[in-house]
């Protein structure tokens, strides 16, 4: 199972994530919560996955985080702990 990539993201993906953070008004505290989880080096599935946090859902595919969702948006893939 892959680990989430934190460095050397493809520039278009990085730009997309920053745009979603701004559009969906993801707070600094929400991002810190995600980073604390990432510090545990969690294994994630090869395919689509998601992780729920207070006020947001992080969605990924394999080693990449792909987007952020907020209340009312439905994630797809395997839920990770």
PDB file of N, CA and C in Angstrom:
ATOM      1  N   UNK A   1       0.844  -1.182   0.000  1.00  0.00           N
ATOM      2  CA  UNK A   1       0.000   0.000   0.000  1.00  0.00           C
ATOM      3  C   UNK A   1       0.888   1.245   0.000  1.00  0.00           C
ATOM      4  N   UNK A   2       0.541   2.234  -0.807  1.00  0.00           N
ATOM      5  CA  UNK A   2       1.368   3.438  -0.875  1.00  0.00           C
ATOM      6  C   UNK A   2       1.216   4.334   0.358  1.00  0.00           C
ATOM      7  N   UNK A   3       2.173   5.194   0.521  1.00  0.00           N
ATOM      8  CA  UNK A   3       2.139   6.262   1.529  1.00  0.00           C
ATOM      9  C   UNK A   3       1.832   7.560   0.791  1.00  0.00           C
ATOM     10  N   UNK A   4       1.226   8.511   1.470  1.00  0.00           N
ATOM     11  CA  UNK A   4       0.853   9.776   0.852  1.00  0.00           C
ATOM     12  C   UNK A   4       2.105  10.597   0.548  1.00  0.00           C
ATOM     13  N   UNK A   5       2.199  11.069  -0.675  1.00  0.00           N
ATOM     14  CA  UNK A   5       3.333  11.899  -1.077  1.00  0.00           C
ATOM     15  C   UNK A   5       3.117  13.325  -0.561  1.00  0.00           C
ATOM     16  N   UNK A   6       4.117  13.854   0.123  1.00  0.00           N
ATOM     17  CA  UNK A   6       4.028  15.201   0.694  1.00  0.00           C
ATOM     18  C   UNK A   6       4.888  16.202  -0.052  1.00  0.00           C
ATOM     19  N   UNK A   7       5.822  15.735  -0.846  1.00  0.00           N
ATOM     20  CA  UNK A   7       6.757  16.619  -1.533  1.00  0.00           C
ATOM     21  C   UNK A   7       6.754  16.309  -3.024  1.00  0.00           C
ATOM     22  N   UNK A   8       7.214  17.280  -3.799  1.00  0.00           N
ATOM     23  CA  UNK A   8       7.352  17.111  -5.249  1.00  0.00           C
ATOM     24  C   UNK A   8       6.049  16.721  -5.935  1.00  0.00           C
ATOM     25  N   UNK A   9       4.957  17.392  -5.528  1.00  0.00           N
ATOM     26  CA  UNK A   9       3.681  17.159  -6.204  1.00  0.00           C
ATOM     27  C   UNK A   9       3.734  17.764  -7.598  1.00  0.00           C
ATOM     28  N   UNK A  10       3.033  17.161  -8.555  1.00  0.00           N
ATOM     29  CA  UNK A  10       2.957  17.786  -9.879  1.00  0.00           C
ATOM     30  C   UNK A  10       2.362  19.196  -9.745  1.00  0.00           C
ATOM     31  N   UNK A  11       2.964  20.202 -10.379  1.00  0.00           N
ATOM     32  CA  UNK A  11       2.480  21.584 -10.233  1.00  0.00           C
ATOM     33  C   UNK A  11       0.983  21.771 -10.487  1.00  0.00           C
ATOM     34  N   UNK A  12       0.385  21.132 -11.508  1.00  0.00           N
ATOM     35  CA  UNK A  12      -1.064  21.327 -11.697  1.00  0.00           C
ATOM     36  C   UNK A  12      -1.888  20.791 -10.509  1.00  0.00           C
ATOM     37  N   UNK A  13      -1.452  19.678  -9.922  1.00  0.00           N
ATOM     38  CA  UNK A  13      -2.154  19.125  -8.763  1.00  0.00           C
ATOM     39  C   UNK A  13      -2.010  20.065  -7.568  1.00  0.00           C
ATOM     40  N   UNK A  14      -0.817  20.570  -7.340  1.00  0.00           N
ATOM     41  CA  UNK A  14      -0.579  21.498  -6.235  1.00  0.00           C
ATOM     42  C   UNK A  14      -1.456  22.743  -6.382  1.00  0.00           C
ATOM     43  N   UNK A  15      -1.533  23.274  -7.590  1.00  0.00           N
ATOM     44  CA  UNK A  15      -2.374  24.452  -7.851  1.00  0.00           C
ATOM     45  C   UNK A  15      -3.844  24.130  -7.600  1.00  0.00           C
ATOM     46  N   UNK A  16      -4.277  22.949  -8.010  1.00  0.00           N
ATOM     47  CA  UNK A  16      -5.668  22.530  -7.793  1.00  0.00           C
ATOM     48  C   UNK A  16      -5.980  22.453  -6.294  1.00  0.00           C
ATOM     49  N   UNK A  17      -5.080  21.867  -5.514  1.00  0.00           N
ATOM     50  CA  UNK A  17      -5.314  21.739  -4.073  1.00  0.00           C
ATOM     51  C   UNK A  17      -5.390  23.110  -3.410  1.00  0.00           C
ATOM     52  N   UNK A  18      -4.503  24.008  -3.780  1.00  0.00           N
ATOM     53  CA  UNK A  18      -4.550  25.367  -3.221  1.00  0.00           C
ATOM     54  C   UNK A  18      -5.863  26.063  -3.584  1.00  0.00           C
ATOM     55  N   UNK A  19      -6.310  25.872  -4.809  1.00  0.00           N
ATOM     56  CA  UNK A  19      -7.576  26.472  -5.242  1.00  0.00           C
ATOM     57  C   UNK A  19      -8.756  25.931  -4.436  1.00  0.00           C
ATOM     58  N   UNK A  20      -8.767  24.624  -4.204  1.00  0.00           N
ATOM     59  CA  UNK A  20      -9.855  24.015  -3.423  1.00  0.00           C
ATOM     60  C   UNK A  20      -9.833  24.493  -1.970  1.00  0.00           C
ATOM     61  N   UNK A  21      -8.654  24.653  -1.399  1.00  0.00           N
ATOM     62  CA  UNK A  21      -8.545  25.163  -0.032  1.00  0.00           C
ATOM     63  C   UNK A  21      -9.179  26.544   0.060  1.00  0.00           C
ATOM     64  N   UNK A  22      -8.899  27.378  -0.912  1.00  0.00           N
ATOM     65  CA  UNK A  22      -9.463  28.726  -0.916  1.00  0.00           C
ATOM     66  C   UNK A  22     -10.958  28.707  -1.205  1.00  0.00           C
ATOM     67  N   UNK A  23     -11.379  28.004  -2.240  1.00  0.00           N
ATOM     68  CA  UNK A  23     -12.787  27.970  -2.633  1.00  0.00           C
ATOM     69  C   UNK A  23     -13.681  27.412  -1.535  1.00  0.00           C
ATOM     70  N   UNK A  24     -13.199  26.393  -0.864  1.00  0.00           N
ATOM     71  CA  UNK A  24     -14.019  25.699   0.129  1.00  0.00           C
ATOM     72  C   UNK A  24     -13.729  26.174   1.548  1.00  0.00           C
ATOM     73  N   UNK A  25     -12.917  27.210   1.641  1.00  0.00           N
ATOM     74  CA  UNK A  25     -12.609  27.861   2.910  1.00  0.00           C
ATOM     75  C   UNK A  25     -12.166  26.853   3.976  1.00  0.00           C
ATOM     76  N   UNK A  26     -11.194  26.027   3.604  1.00  0.00           N
ATOM     77  CA  UNK A  26     -10.602  25.067   4.533  1.00  0.00           C
ATOM     78  C   UNK A  26      -9.732  25.865   5.500  1.00  0.00           C
ATOM     79  N   UNK A  27      -9.962  25.684   6.783  1.00  0.00           N
ATOM     80  CA  UNK A  27      -9.247  26.480   7.792  1.00  0.00           C
ATOM     81  C   UNK A  27      -7.854  25.920   8.073  1.00  0.00           C
ATOM     82  N   UNK A  28      -7.046  26.764   8.667  1.00  0.00           N
ATOM     83  CA  UNK A  28      -5.716  26.339   9.086  1.00  0.00           C
ATOM     84  C   UNK A  28      -5.774  25.189  10.074  1.00  0.00           C
ATOM     85  N   UNK A  29      -6.738  25.224  10.979  1.00  0.00           N
ATOM     86  CA  UNK A  29      -6.874  24.135  11.958  1.00  0.00           C
ATOM     87  C   UNK A  29      -7.226  22.825  11.266  1.00  0.00           C
ATOM     88  N   UNK A  30      -8.081  22.888  10.261  1.00  0.00           N
ATOM     89  CA  UNK A  30      -8.426  21.674   9.508  1.00  0.00           C
ATOM     90  C   UNK A  30      -7.184  21.122   8.806  1.00  0.00           C
ATOM     91  N   UNK A  31      -6.386  22.000   8.214  1.00  0.00           N
ATOM     92  CA  UNK A  31      -5.168  21.549   7.542  1.00  0.00           C
ATOM     93  C   UNK A  31      -4.160  20.983   8.536  1.00  0.00           C
ATOM     94  N   UNK A  32      -4.053  21.602   9.709  1.00  0.00           N
ATOM     95  CA  UNK A  32      -3.141  21.066  10.743  1.00  0.00           C
ATOM     96  C   UNK A  32      -3.583  19.673  11.179  1.00  0.00           C
ATOM     97  N   UNK A  33      -4.880  19.460  11.293  1.00  0.00           N
ATOM     98  CA  UNK A  33      -5.398  18.140  11.646  1.00  0.00           C
ATOM     99  C   UNK A  33      -4.995  17.110  10.591  1.00  0.00           C
ATOM    100  N   UNK A  34      -5.115  17.490   9.320  1.00  0.00           N
ATOM    101  CA  UNK A  34      -4.719  16.599   8.239  1.00  0.00           C
ATOM    102  C   UNK A  34      -3.215  16.322   8.294  1.00  0.00           C
ATOM    103  N   UNK A  35      -2.412  17.360   8.543  1.00  0.00           N
ATOM    104  CA  UNK A  35      -0.962  17.177   8.597  1.00  0.00           C
ATOM    105  C   UNK A  35      -0.538  16.287   9.767  1.00  0.00           C
ATOM    106  N   UNK A  36      -1.207  16.415  10.912  1.00  0.00           N
ATOM    107  CA  UNK A  36      -0.901  15.532  12.054  1.00  0.00           C
ATOM    108  C   UNK A  36      -1.167  14.081  11.664  1.00  0.00           C
ATOM    109  N   UNK A  37      -2.263  13.846  10.942  1.00  0.00           N
ATOM    110  CA  UNK A  37      -2.569  12.498  10.471  1.00  0.00           C
ATOM    111  C   UNK A  37      -1.491  12.036   9.487  1.00  0.00           C
ATOM    112  N   UNK A  38      -1.096  12.915   8.576  1.00  0.00           N
ATOM    113  CA  UNK A  38      -0.074  12.552   7.597  1.00  0.00           C
ATOM    114  C   UNK A  38       1.266  12.264   8.262  1.00  0.00           C
ATOM    115  N   UNK A  39       1.545  12.904   9.403  1.00  0.00           N
ATOM    116  CA  UNK A  39       2.789  12.652  10.138  1.00  0.00           C
ATOM    117  C   UNK A  39       2.885  11.208  10.628  1.00  0.00           C
ATOM    118  N   UNK A  40       1.756  10.500  10.685  1.00  0.00           N
ATOM    119  CA  UNK A  40       1.766   9.096  11.105  1.00  0.00           C
ATOM    120  C   UNK A  40       2.130   8.173   9.944  1.00  0.00           C
ATOM    121  N   UNK A  41       2.351   8.738   8.763  1.00  0.00           N
ATOM    122  CA  UNK A  41       2.703   7.989   7.551  1.00  0.00           C
ATOM    123  C   UNK A  41       1.695   6.874   7.258  1.00  0.00           C
ATOM    124  N   UNK A  42       0.413   7.234   7.164  1.00  0.00           N
ATOM    125  CA  UNK A  42      -0.605   6.207   6.941  1.00  0.00           C
ATOM    126  C   UNK A  42      -0.478   5.575   5.557  1.00  0.00           C
ATOM    127  N   UNK A  43      -0.757   4.297   5.503  1.00  0.00           N
ATOM    128  CA  UNK A  43      -0.838   3.607   4.212  1.00  0.00           C
ATOM    129  C   UNK A  43      -2.234   3.857   3.655  1.00  0.00           C
ATOM    130  N   UNK A  44      -2.315   4.053   2.360  1.00  0.00           N
ATOM    131  CA  UNK A  44      -3.593   4.300   1.696  1.00  0.00           C
ATOM    132  C   UNK A  44      -3.726   3.329   0.525  1.00  0.00           C
ATOM    133  N   UNK A  45      -4.957   3.078   0.071  1.00  0.00           N
ATOM    134  CA  UNK A  45      -5.136   2.154  -1.059  1.00  0.00           C
ATOM    135  C   UNK A  45      -4.522   2.694  -2.353  1.00  0.00           C
ATOM    136  N   UNK A  46      -4.285   1.801  -3.290  1.00  0.00           N
ATOM    137  CA  UNK A  46      -3.779   2.185  -4.619  1.00  0.00           C
ATOM    138  C   UNK A  46      -4.801   3.033  -5.365  1.00  0.00           C
ATOM    139  N   UNK A  47      -6.078   2.708  -5.204  1.00  0.00           N
ATOM    140  CA  UNK A  47      -7.141   3.408  -5.914  1.00  0.00           C
ATOM    141  C   UNK A  47      -7.652   4.606  -5.131  1.00  0.00           C
ATOM    142  N   UNK A  48      -8.928   4.931  -5.354  1.00  0.00           N
ATOM    143  CA  UNK A  48      -9.531   6.091  -4.697  1.00  0.00           C
ATOM    144  C   UNK A  48      -9.775   5.813  -3.216  1.00  0.00           C
ATOM    145  N   UNK A  49      -9.534   6.828  -2.404  1.00  0.00           N
ATOM    146  CA  UNK A  49      -9.723   6.729  -0.951  1.00  0.00           C
ATOM    147  C   UNK A  49     -10.139   8.094  -0.417  1.00  0.00           C
ATOM    148  N   UNK A  50     -10.632   8.084   0.836  1.00  0.00           N
ATOM    149  CA  UNK A  50     -10.941   9.350   1.499  1.00  0.00           C
ATOM    150  C   UNK A  50     -10.779   9.198   2.999  1.00  0.00           C
ATOM    151  N   UNK A  51     -10.539  10.334   3.654  1.00  0.00           N
ATOM    152  CA  UNK A  51     -10.372  10.399   5.108  1.00  0.00           C
ATOM    153  C   UNK A  51     -11.204  11.562   5.617  1.00  0.00           C
ATOM    154  N   UNK A  52     -12.076  11.294   6.585  1.00  0.00           N
ATOM    155  CA  UNK A  52     -12.938  12.325   7.165  1.00  0.00           C
ATOM    156  C   UNK A  52     -12.219  13.045   8.313  1.00  0.00           C
ATOM    157  N   UNK A  53     -12.360  14.365   8.328  1.00  0.00           N
ATOM    158  CA  UNK A  53     -11.877  15.222   9.400  1.00  0.00           C
ATOM    159  C   UNK A  53     -13.023  16.141   9.792  1.00  0.00           C
ATOM    160  N   UNK A  54     -12.975  16.757  10.958  1.00  0.00           N
ATOM    161  CA  UNK A  54     -14.040  17.702  11.319  1.00  0.00           C
ATOM    162  C   UNK A  54     -14.156  18.818  10.270  1.00  0.00           C
ATOM    163  N   UNK A  55     -15.297  18.889   9.625  1.00  0.00           N
ATOM    164  CA  UNK A  55     -15.567  19.960   8.676  1.00  0.00           C
ATOM    165  C   UNK A  55     -15.049  19.766   7.270  1.00  0.00           C
ATOM    166  N   UNK A  56     -14.328  18.677   7.009  1.00  0.00           N
ATOM    167  CA  UNK A  56     -13.830  18.443   5.647  1.00  0.00           C
ATOM    168  C   UNK A  56     -13.530  16.963   5.446  1.00  0.00           C
ATOM    169  N   UNK A  57     -13.400  16.606   4.175  1.00  0.00           N
ATOM    170  CA  UNK A  57     -12.988  15.260   3.789  1.00  0.00           C
ATOM    171  C   UNK A  57     -11.832  15.415   2.814  1.00  0.00           C
ATOM    172  N   UNK A  58     -10.760  14.667   3.051  1.00  0.00           N
ATOM    173  CA  UNK A  58      -9.618  14.645   2.146  1.00  0.00           C
ATOM    174  C   UNK A  58      -9.808  13.447   1.222  1.00  0.00           C
ATOM    175  N   UNK A  59      -9.747  13.682  -0.084  1.00  0.00           N
ATOM    176  CA  UNK A  59      -9.912  12.617  -1.065  1.00  0.00           C
ATOM    177  C   UNK A  59      -8.602  12.414  -1.808  1.00  0.00           C
ATOM    178  N   UNK A  60      -8.259  11.158  -2.039  1.00  0.00           N
ATOM    179  CA  UNK A  60      -7.024  10.871  -2.738  1.00  0.00           C
ATOM    180  C   UNK A  60      -7.146   9.688  -3.660  1.00  0.00           C
ATOM    181  N   UNK A  61      -6.059   9.452  -4.344  1.00  0.00           N
ATOM    182  CA  UNK A  61      -5.935   8.279  -5.210  1.00  0.00           C
ATOM    183  C   UNK A  61      -4.484   7.847  -5.151  1.00  0.00           C
ATOM    184  N   UNK A  62      -4.260   6.641  -4.621  1.00  0.00           N
ATOM    185  CA  UNK A  62      -2.894   6.187  -4.436  1.00  0.00           C
ATOM    186  C   UNK A  62      -2.134   7.132  -3.532  1.00  0.00           C
ATOM    187  N   UNK A  63      -0.946   7.519  -3.944  1.00  0.00           N
ATOM    188  CA  UNK A  63      -0.086   8.344  -3.102  1.00  0.00           C
ATOM    189  C   UNK A  63      -0.451   9.828  -3.099  1.00  0.00           C
ATOM    190  N   UNK A  64      -1.424  10.229  -3.916  1.00  0.00           N
ATOM    191  CA  UNK A  64      -1.748  11.644  -4.045  1.00  0.00           C
ATOM    192  C   UNK A  64      -3.057  12.036  -3.376  1.00  0.00           C
ATOM    193  N   UNK A  65      -3.044  13.159  -2.663  1.00  0.00           N
ATOM    194  CA  UNK A  65      -4.284  13.815  -2.263  1.00  0.00           C
ATOM    195  C   UNK A  65      -4.782  14.517  -3.513  1.00  0.00           C
ATOM    196  N   UNK A  66      -6.063  14.316  -3.845  1.00  0.00           N
ATOM    197  CA  UNK A  66      -6.609  14.872  -5.089  1.00  0.00           C
ATOM    198  C   UNK A  66      -7.502  16.091  -4.873  1.00  0.00           C
ATOM    199  N   UNK A  67      -8.233  16.130  -3.735  1.00  0.00           N
ATOM    200  CA  UNK A  67      -9.115  17.271  -3.495  1.00  0.00           C
ATOM    201  C   UNK A  67      -9.585  17.286  -2.054  1.00  0.00           C
ATOM    202  N   UNK A  68     -10.296  18.350  -1.705  1.00  0.00           N
ATOM    203  CA  UNK A  68     -10.896  18.516  -0.386  1.00  0.00           C
ATOM    204  C   UNK A  68     -12.388  18.732  -0.580  1.00  0.00           C
ATOM    205  N   UNK A  69     -13.190  18.068   0.228  1.00  0.00           N
ATOM    206  CA  UNK A  69     -14.643  18.236   0.193  1.00  0.00           C
ATOM    207  C   UNK A  69     -15.110  18.838   1.509  1.00  0.00           C
ATOM    208  N   UNK A  70     -16.275  19.443   1.484  1.00  0.00           N
ATOM    209  CA  UNK A  70     -16.888  20.005   2.690  1.00  0.00           C
ATOM    210  C   UNK A  70     -18.272  19.391   2.858  1.00  0.00           C
ATOM    211  N   UNK A  71     -18.974  19.784   3.918  1.00  0.00           N
ATOM    212  CA  UNK A  71     -20.298  19.235   4.218  1.00  0.00           C
ATOM    213  C   UNK A  71     -21.191  19.287   2.987  1.00  0.00           C
ATOM    214  N   UNK A  72     -21.910  18.202   2.763  1.00  0.00           N
ATOM    215  CA  UNK A  72     -22.830  18.122   1.639  1.00  0.00           C
ATOM    216  C   UNK A  72     -22.214  17.514   0.390  1.00  0.00           C
ATOM    217  N   UNK A  73     -20.901  17.382   0.349  1.00  0.00           N
ATOM    218  CA  UNK A  73     -20.240  16.758  -0.794  1.00  0.00           C
ATOM    219  C   UNK A  73     -19.927  15.308  -0.437  1.00  0.00           C
ATOM    220  N   UNK A  74     -20.141  14.407  -1.372  1.00  0.00           N
ATOM    221  CA  UNK A  74     -20.026  12.975  -1.106  1.00  0.00           C
ATOM    222  C   UNK A  74     -18.719  12.427  -1.680  1.00  0.00           C
ATOM    223  N   UNK A  75     -17.891  11.831  -0.823  1.00  0.00           N
ATOM    224  CA  UNK A  75     -16.636  11.247  -1.300  1.00  0.00           C
ATOM    225  C   UNK A  75     -16.871   9.888  -1.962  1.00  0.00           C
ATOM    226  N   UNK A  76     -15.922   9.488  -2.792  1.00  0.00           N
ATOM    227  CA  UNK A  76     -15.952   8.149  -3.382  1.00  0.00           C
ATOM    228  C   UNK A  76     -14.670   7.434  -3.015  1.00  0.00           C
ATOM    229  N   UNK A  77     -14.705   6.131  -3.091  1.00  0.00           N
ATOM    230  CA  UNK A  77     -13.528   5.330  -2.794  1.00  0.00           C
ATOM    231  C   UNK A  77     -13.637   4.676  -1.432  1.00  0.00           C
ATOM    232  N   UNK A  78     -12.521   4.169  -0.979  1.00  0.00           N
ATOM    233  CA  UNK A  78     -12.419   3.440   0.290  1.00  0.00           C
ATOM    234  C   UNK A  78     -12.108   4.415   1.431  1.00  0.00           C
ATOM    235  N   UNK A  79     -12.874   4.338   2.500  1.00  0.00           N
ATOM    236  CA  UNK A  79     -12.595   5.190   3.656  1.00  0.00           C
ATOM    237  C   UNK A  79     -11.414   4.627   4.422  1.00  0.00           C
ATOM    238  N   UNK A  80     -10.463   5.497   4.747  1.00  0.00           N
ATOM    239  CA  UNK A  80      -9.287   5.089   5.519  1.00  0.00           C
ATOM    240  C   UNK A  80      -9.380   5.641   6.935  1.00  0.00           C
ATOM    241  N   UNK A  81      -8.730   4.949   7.859  1.00  0.00           N
ATOM    242  CA  UNK A  81      -8.792   5.334   9.262  1.00  0.00           C
ATOM    243  C   UNK A  81      -7.750   6.324   9.671  1.00  0.00           C
TER     244      UNK A  81
END
